[in-house]
Protein backbone atom coordinates (compact mmCIF):
# COMPACT_ATOMS: atom_id res chain seq x y z
CA UNK A 1 1.74 -11.62 3.15
CA UNK A 2 0.66 -15.10 4.23
CA UNK A 3 4.20 -15.89 5.36
CA UNK A 4 4.34 -12.77 7.51
CA UNK A 5 0.90 -13.51 8.95
CA UNK A 6 1.95 -17.07 9.78
CA UNK A 7 5.13 -15.79 11.42
CA UNK A 8 3.13 -13.34 13.51
CA UNK A 9 0.69 -16.02 14.63
CA UNK A 10 3.54 -18.43 15.44
CA UNK A 11 5.14 -15.74 17.58
CA UNK A 12 1.90 -15.30 19.53
CA UNK A 13 1.63 -19.06 20.10
CA UNK A 14 5.27 -19.19 21.17
CA UNK A 15 4.70 -16.50 23.78
CA UNK A 16 1.68 -18.38 25.13
CA UNK A 17 3.72 -21.58 25.50
CA UNK A 18 6.48 -19.69 27.26
CA UNK A 19 4.04 -18.29 29.80
CA UNK A 20 2.19 -21.56 30.36
CA UNK A 21 5.21 -23.83 30.64
CA UNK A 22 7.70 -21.44 32.23
CA UNK A 23 7.25 -22.99 35.74
CA UNK A 24 8.11 -26.46 34.39
CA UNK A 25 11.62 -27.57 33.40
CA UNK A 26 10.52 -29.02 30.06
CA UNK A 27 13.23 -28.68 27.42
CA UNK A 28 10.80 -30.17 24.90
CA UNK A 29 8.90 -26.89 24.89
CA UNK A 30 11.82 -24.48 25.33
CA UNK A 31 14.38 -25.86 22.88
CA UNK A 32 12.45 -25.28 19.63
CA UNK A 33 11.75 -21.68 20.59
CA UNK A 34 15.41 -20.94 21.33
CA UNK A 35 16.47 -22.55 18.07
CA UNK A 36 13.87 -20.54 16.20
CA UNK A 37 15.02 -17.32 17.87
CA UNK A 38 18.62 -18.07 16.98
CA UNK A 39 17.80 -18.92 13.37
CA UNK A 40 15.76 -15.80 12.71
CA UNK A 41 18.16 -13.48 14.54
CA UNK A 42 21.02 -15.01 12.57
CA UNK A 43 19.35 -13.99 9.32
CA UNK A 44 18.27 -10.58 10.53
CA UNK A 45 14.51 -10.84 10.95
CA UNK A 46 13.45 -12.33 14.33
CA UNK A 47 9.87 -13.38 14.83
CA UNK A 48 9.70 -11.08 17.82
CA UNK A 49 9.80 -7.97 15.64
CA UNK A 50 6.74 -5.71 15.99
CA UNK A 51 3.91 -6.07 13.52
CA UNK A 52 3.90 -3.58 10.68
CA UNK A 53 1.12 -1.01 10.64
CA UNK A 54 -0.49 0.66 7.66
CA UNK A 55 -1.46 3.90 9.38
CA UNK A 56 -3.04 5.35 6.23
CA UNK A 57 -5.54 2.46 6.30
CA UNK A 58 -7.22 3.44 9.55
CA UNK A 59 -9.91 1.07 10.76
CA UNK A 60 -11.67 3.72 12.83
CA UNK A 61 -13.01 7.22 12.30
CA UNK A 62 -12.88 10.38 14.38
CA UNK A 63 -14.56 13.52 13.07
CA UNK A 64 -12.18 16.33 12.17
CA UNK A 65 -12.80 19.69 10.47
CA UNK A 66 -11.68 18.26 7.12
CA UNK A 67 -13.13 14.77 7.53
CA UNK A 68 -16.66 14.42 8.82
CA UNK A 69 -20.04 13.35 7.40
CA UNK A 70 -21.36 16.92 7.27
CA UNK A 71 -18.90 17.96 4.58
CA UNK A 72 -20.47 17.76 1.11
CA UNK A 73 -18.79 15.43 -1.36
CA UNK A 74 -19.74 14.27 -4.83
CA UNK A 75 -18.04 13.03 -7.95
CA UNK A 76 -17.05 15.62 -10.51
CA UNK A 77 -19.01 15.81 -13.74
CA UNK A 78 -16.26 13.95 -15.59
CA UNK A 79 -16.12 11.26 -12.93
CA UNK A 80 -19.90 10.89 -12.87
CA UNK A 81 -19.59 9.64 -16.44
CA UNK A 82 -16.97 7.17 -15.23
CA UNK A 83 -19.32 6.07 -12.45
CA UNK A 84 -22.01 5.24 -15.01
CA UNK A 85 -19.46 3.33 -17.08
CA UNK A 86 -18.32 1.33 -14.03
CA UNK A 87 -21.88 0.50 -13.02
CA UNK A 88 -22.63 -0.72 -16.55
CA UNK A 89 -20.35 -3.70 -15.92
CA UNK A 90 -22.65 -5.10 -13.23
CA UNK A 91 -26.31 -6.19 -13.13
CA UNK A 92 -28.57 -3.49 -11.73
CA UNK A 93 -29.39 -5.64 -8.70
CA UNK A 94 -25.67 -6.09 -7.91
CA UNK A 95 -24.54 -2.48 -7.77
CA UNK A 96 -22.61 -3.22 -4.58
CA UNK A 97 -20.11 -5.14 -6.71
CA UNK A 98 -18.87 -1.75 -7.93
CA UNK A 99 -17.86 -0.64 -4.44
CA UNK A 100 -14.11 -1.16 -4.88
CA UNK A 101 -13.70 0.56 -8.28
CA UNK A 102 -15.87 3.46 -7.12
CA UNK A 103 -13.82 3.87 -3.95
CA UNK A 104 -10.68 3.84 -6.07
CA UNK A 105 -12.11 6.56 -8.31
CA UNK A 106 -13.14 8.61 -5.27
CA UNK A 107 -9.65 8.29 -3.80
CA UNK A 108 -8.07 9.47 -7.04
CA UNK A 109 -10.40 12.48 -7.16
CA UNK A 110 -9.74 13.41 -3.55
CA UNK A 111 -5.97 13.54 -3.78
CA UNK A 112 -5.15 10.03 -2.65
CA UNK A 113 -7.29 9.47 0.42
CA UNK A 114 -10.91 8.73 1.33
CA UNK A 115 -12.86 11.04 3.64
CA UNK A 116 -15.94 9.58 5.27
CA UNK A 117 -18.23 11.78 3.14
CA UNK A 118 -16.77 10.22 -0.02
CA UNK A 119 -17.53 6.76 1.33
CA UNK A 120 -21.07 7.89 2.12
CA UNK A 121 -21.43 9.08 -1.48
CA UNK A 122 -20.31 5.68 -2.78
CA UNK A 123 -22.73 3.91 -0.43
CA UNK A 124 -25.58 5.99 -1.82
CA UNK A 125 -24.63 5.13 -5.40
CA UNK A 126 -24.40 1.37 -4.82
CA UNK A 127 -27.47 1.45 -2.55
CA UNK A 128 -26.02 -0.16 0.56
CA UNK A 129 -25.75 1.02 4.18
CA UNK A 130 -22.62 3.17 4.68
CA UNK A 131 -21.16 0.61 7.08
CA UNK A 132 -20.77 -1.84 4.17
CA UNK A 133 -18.57 0.65 2.34
CA UNK A 134 -16.63 1.46 5.53
CA UNK A 135 -15.89 -2.25 5.91
CA UNK A 136 -14.35 -2.41 2.45
CA UNK A 137 -12.37 0.82 2.80
CA UNK A 138 -10.89 -0.20 6.14
CA UNK A 139 -10.09 -3.76 5.09
CA UNK A 140 -7.87 -3.01 2.10
CA UNK A 141 -4.63 -1.16 2.85
CA UNK A 142 -4.63 0.32 -0.67
CA UNK A 143 -7.41 2.67 0.44
CA UNK A 144 -5.91 5.54 2.40
CA UNK A 145 -7.98 6.84 5.29
CA UNK A 146 -5.50 9.58 6.07
CA UNK A 147 -3.95 12.25 3.89
CA UNK A 148 -1.01 11.29 1.69
CA UNK A 149 1.34 13.30 -0.47
CA UNK A 150 0.68 14.11 -4.10
CA UNK A 151 3.28 11.45 -4.75
CA UNK A 152 2.68 8.51 -2.44
CA UNK A 153 5.75 6.25 -2.45
CA UNK A 154 4.99 2.66 -1.49
CA UNK A 155 7.85 0.35 -0.56
CA UNK A 156 7.26 -3.38 -0.85
CA UNK A 157 7.91 -4.93 2.56
CA UNK A 158 7.38 -8.62 1.95
CA UNK A 159 10.03 -11.32 2.04
CA UNK A 160 11.73 -11.18 -1.41
CA UNK A 161 12.05 -7.38 -1.34
CA UNK A 162 13.04 -7.39 2.33
CA UNK A 163 15.85 -9.87 1.67
CA UNK A 164 16.98 -7.69 -1.23
CA UNK A 165 17.19 -4.57 0.92
CA UNK A 166 13.79 -2.88 0.98
CA UNK A 167 14.37 -1.69 4.56
CA UNK A 168 17.40 0.30 3.39
CA UNK A 169 15.35 1.77 0.56
CA UNK A 170 12.62 2.89 2.94
CA UNK A 171 15.19 4.38 5.32
CA UNK A 172 16.81 6.27 2.44
CA UNK A 173 13.46 7.75 1.40
CA UNK A 174 12.48 8.74 4.93
CA UNK A 175 15.87 10.30 5.63
CA UNK A 176 15.94 12.21 2.34
CA UNK A 177 12.41 13.55 2.80
CA UNK A 178 12.76 14.17 6.54
CA UNK A 179 9.53 12.39 7.48
CA UNK A 180 8.37 9.26 9.24
CA UNK A 181 6.38 6.53 7.57
CA UNK A 182 2.99 7.81 6.34
CA UNK A 183 3.80 11.41 7.23
CA UNK A 184 3.40 14.03 4.52
CA UNK A 185 6.20 16.45 3.72
CA UNK A 186 5.49 20.10 4.64
CA UNK A 187 5.07 21.02 0.96
CA UNK A 188 2.44 18.29 0.57
CA UNK A 189 4.35 16.60 -2.24
CA UNK A 190 5.54 13.32 -0.76
CA UNK A 191 4.64 10.58 1.68
CA UNK A 192 6.19 7.15 2.17
CA UNK A 193 4.18 4.05 3.00
CA UNK A 194 4.57 0.31 2.95
CA UNK A 195 2.69 -2.18 0.84
CA UNK A 196 2.36 -5.91 0.61
CA UNK A 197 3.69 -7.92 -2.33
CA UNK A 198 3.11 -6.22 -5.69
CA UNK A 199 3.94 -9.26 -7.77
CA UNK A 200 7.37 -8.35 -9.16
CA UNK A 201 9.50 -10.47 -6.85
CA UNK A 202 11.84 -11.46 -9.69
CA UNK A 203 13.12 -7.87 -9.83
CA UNK A 204 13.09 -7.13 -6.11
CA UNK A 205 13.35 -4.72 -4.45
CA UNK A 206 10.68 -2.45 -5.85
CA UNK A 207 8.56 0.57 -5.06
CA UNK A 208 5.35 1.98 -6.47
CA UNK A 209 4.64 5.66 -7.01
CA UNK A 210 0.97 6.62 -6.84
CA UNK A 211 0.72 10.01 -8.54
CA UNK A 212 -2.27 12.02 -7.29
CA UNK A 213 -0.87 15.38 -8.40
CA UNK A 214 -3.41 15.81 -11.22
CA UNK A 215 -6.50 14.18 -9.74
CA UNK A 216 -8.23 11.23 -11.35
CA UNK A 217 -7.67 12.59 -14.85
CA UNK A 218 -3.89 12.36 -14.57
CA UNK A 219 -3.63 9.56 -12.03
CA UNK A 220 -0.80 7.08 -12.57
CA UNK A 221 0.40 4.09 -10.59
CA UNK A 222 3.89 3.10 -11.70
CA UNK A 223 6.24 0.31 -10.68
CA UNK A 224 9.98 0.88 -10.27
CA UNK A 225 11.85 -2.39 -9.99
CA UNK A 226 15.40 -3.37 -9.01
CA UNK A 227 15.84 -0.08 -7.17
CA UNK A 228 18.61 1.00 -4.82
CA UNK A 229 18.70 3.70 -2.11
CA UNK A 230 20.41 5.99 -4.62
CA UNK A 231 17.89 5.31 -7.37
CA UNK A 232 14.85 6.06 -5.20
CA UNK A 233 16.33 9.41 -4.18
CA UNK A 234 16.82 10.19 -7.89
CA UNK A 235 13.17 9.27 -8.52
CA UNK A 236 12.05 11.65 -5.76
CA UNK A 237 14.08 14.54 -7.14
CA UNK A 238 12.77 14.03 -10.67
CA UNK A 239 9.21 14.04 -9.35
CA UNK A 240 9.94 17.19 -7.36
CA UNK A 241 11.03 18.92 -10.58
CA UNK A 242 7.85 17.84 -12.33
CA UNK A 243 9.66 15.28 -14.46
CA UNK A 244 8.45 11.75 -15.16
CA UNK A 245 11.02 9.14 -14.13
CA UNK A 246 11.35 6.29 -16.64
CA UNK A 247 9.31 3.30 -15.55
CA UNK A 248 10.92 0.71 -17.82
CA UNK A 249 11.73 -2.34 -15.74
CA UNK A 250 14.19 -5.18 -16.19
CA UNK A 251 11.29 -7.38 -17.26
CA UNK A 252 10.30 -4.87 -19.94
CA UNK A 253 13.88 -4.48 -21.17
CA UNK A 254 14.23 -8.25 -21.43
CA UNK A 255 11.07 -8.49 -23.53
CA UNK A 256 12.35 -5.76 -25.86
CA UNK A 257 15.71 -7.50 -26.31
CA UNK A 258 14.12 -10.77 -27.35
CA UNK A 259 11.60 -8.90 -29.55
CA UNK A 260 8.61 -10.32 -27.70
CA UNK A 261 7.31 -6.85 -26.89
CA UNK A 262 8.37 -3.47 -28.14
CA UNK A 263 6.65 -0.63 -26.33
CA UNK A 264 4.61 -2.37 -23.67
CA UNK A 265 5.26 -2.38 -19.96
CA UNK A 266 5.00 -5.47 -17.83
CA UNK A 267 1.58 -4.25 -16.65
CA UNK A 268 0.33 -4.09 -20.25
CA UNK A 269 1.59 -7.61 -20.82
C-alpha cells in the first residue's frame, strides 16, 4: 500500500515538473522522467495508470430510500449480547475504542454493508457524535458503504499479487459473473472488489471471500491463496451451489507435512 501511495505521489510530482519546466530545454529534468516511464512500461505497470478506487468505501453520503437516517436500525438480541461483550474489553470512559469492532458487527448483521442508521446506532452506543463514527467508516476500505453480494470476493491488488497475476484473476471473476468491480450480480449472490495487502504475499496471488449469506451468526472471512483464474471460477461455482470451498492454503499444507500443525489454518497460527 505504501509503495503504491509513493508511486502515485511521485507521478503527481512528475506531472508538476513537466508543466513547470516544459518551456525550458533542460534535459536534467526531462531525462529521469522518460527513463522512469520506459522502465515501468517495460514491466507492465506505468506510474501514469489511474488510481484505484474502492467504490464500496464511499466517503460521502446521499440519502436513498434504503439508506437514510430516518430508517430504524438496531442490533439483534443476539448481537446486543456481543455488543456488551465487546464493550467489556474497554474502560467505561473509553467506549469509543470499541467503534471498529462494533462497526464490523453491524456490517455483518446488515449483509455486508453499513447504512448510515447503523453508524448512528454505533455512535449512540459508544457515546460520541455520529461524525466520529462516519470518519472511521469512511477511512477504512474494509467497511462497505454500498451494498455488496452475499459473497463478497476481494482480490488483493498490491505488488506481490499483481506481479503474480491478480489482474487476470480479477478479470476472470468479472467476466464469469458478468459484472463490473463492486457491482452486485442480479441474484444478489456475488460482488467483486479489490483490497490492499492481506499479508500472504508468500503464496500470491490470493483472494478473500467474505461470506455474509447467514448474517453475523454464520459470517466467515476466508483466504484462498495461490489461486489461478480457473481456481477462482471453481470457488464461485461451489459457493453458488451452497458448498464450502476448501480453504487450506499452501502454508497450512506445509505445516501439516512437517507436523508443526495438524488442523489449524494459517490464521489460527
